[in-house]
Protein backbone atom coordinates (compact mmCIF):
# COMPACT_ATOMS: atom_id res chain seq x y z
CA UNK A 1 98.48 68.51 112.08
CA UNK A 2 95.90 70.30 109.76
CA UNK A 3 97.20 73.80 110.24
CA UNK A 4 100.57 75.29 110.34
CA UNK A 5 100.95 79.00 110.38
CA UNK A 6 103.66 80.78 108.63
CA UNK A 7 105.84 82.70 110.86
CA UNK A 8 106.93 86.17 110.47
CA UNK A 9 110.66 86.88 109.34
CA UNK A 10 111.34 88.29 112.78
CA UNK A 11 110.20 85.24 114.59
CA UNK A 12 111.98 82.99 111.95
CA UNK A 13 115.32 84.92 111.89
CA UNK A 14 115.26 84.82 115.97
CA UNK A 15 114.42 81.07 116.34
CA UNK A 16 117.32 80.35 113.91
CA UNK A 17 119.59 82.20 115.83
CA UNK A 18 118.55 80.76 118.93
CA UNK A 19 119.06 77.30 117.23
CA UNK A 20 122.63 78.27 116.38
CA UNK A 21 123.48 79.34 119.82
CA UNK A 22 121.88 76.15 121.38
CA UNK A 23 123.45 74.16 118.75
CA UNK A 24 120.06 72.47 117.89
CA UNK A 25 117.83 72.30 114.74
CA UNK A 26 115.34 75.07 114.41
CA UNK A 27 112.33 72.14 114.80
CA UNK A 28 114.04 71.18 118.29
CA UNK A 29 114.56 74.65 119.34
CA UNK A 30 111.06 75.65 118.57
CA UNK A 31 109.80 72.36 120.97
CA UNK A 32 111.85 73.50 123.83
CA UNK A 33 110.39 77.08 123.54
CA UNK A 34 107.03 75.83 123.32
CA UNK A 35 107.70 73.59 126.20
CA UNK A 36 108.51 76.08 128.37
CA UNK A 37 105.44 78.07 127.68
CA UNK A 38 103.52 76.11 130.65
CA UNK A 39 105.76 77.61 133.01
CA UNK A 40 104.92 81.12 132.08
CA UNK A 41 101.12 80.99 131.29
CA UNK A 42 98.45 79.38 133.21
CA UNK A 43 97.70 76.16 132.18
CA UNK A 44 94.20 76.29 133.46
CA UNK A 45 93.45 79.48 131.56
CA UNK A 46 94.54 77.81 128.53
CA UNK A 47 92.58 74.69 129.07
CA UNK A 48 89.47 76.96 129.53
CA UNK A 49 89.53 78.49 126.25
CA UNK A 50 90.25 75.30 124.53
CA UNK A 51 88.46 74.35 121.29
CA UNK A 52 89.69 70.68 120.85
CA UNK A 53 88.85 68.66 124.02
CA UNK A 54 89.69 65.45 121.96
CA UNK A 55 93.76 66.16 121.97
CA UNK A 56 94.21 66.70 125.62
CA UNK A 57 96.37 63.92 126.05
CA UNK A 58 98.74 65.45 123.35
CA UNK A 59 98.81 68.70 125.09
CA UNK A 60 101.64 70.40 127.22
CA UNK A 61 98.97 72.70 129.02
CA UNK A 62 96.90 69.52 129.90
CA UNK A 63 100.00 67.72 131.20
CA UNK A 64 101.16 70.62 133.16
CA UNK A 65 97.47 71.13 134.53
CA UNK A 66 97.61 67.52 135.78
CA UNK A 67 100.93 67.82 137.26
CA UNK A 68 99.81 71.37 138.97
CA UNK A 69 96.87 69.53 140.43
CA UNK A 70 98.78 66.72 141.77
CA UNK A 71 101.44 68.92 143.55
CA UNK A 72 98.70 71.00 145.12
CA UNK A 73 96.89 67.65 146.28
CA UNK A 74 99.92 66.33 147.96
CA UNK A 75 101.46 69.54 149.16
CA UNK A 76 104.65 69.22 146.56
């Protein structure tokens, strides 16, 4: 990963407290938080604005979009 933005103090403090509540390291807590985002944001909208089409197989939005298409195709 070439770019890791610094988080604001507010976000860092909040994630730390969430991690304590979940009894997990902050890194795992962040992974869980990010993993929930495709359920709240339309993955197709994210994919439409993507600037790095070479990493789709590693992206949770692409994975969720594929799952959504599969569910729609088979009426699940």
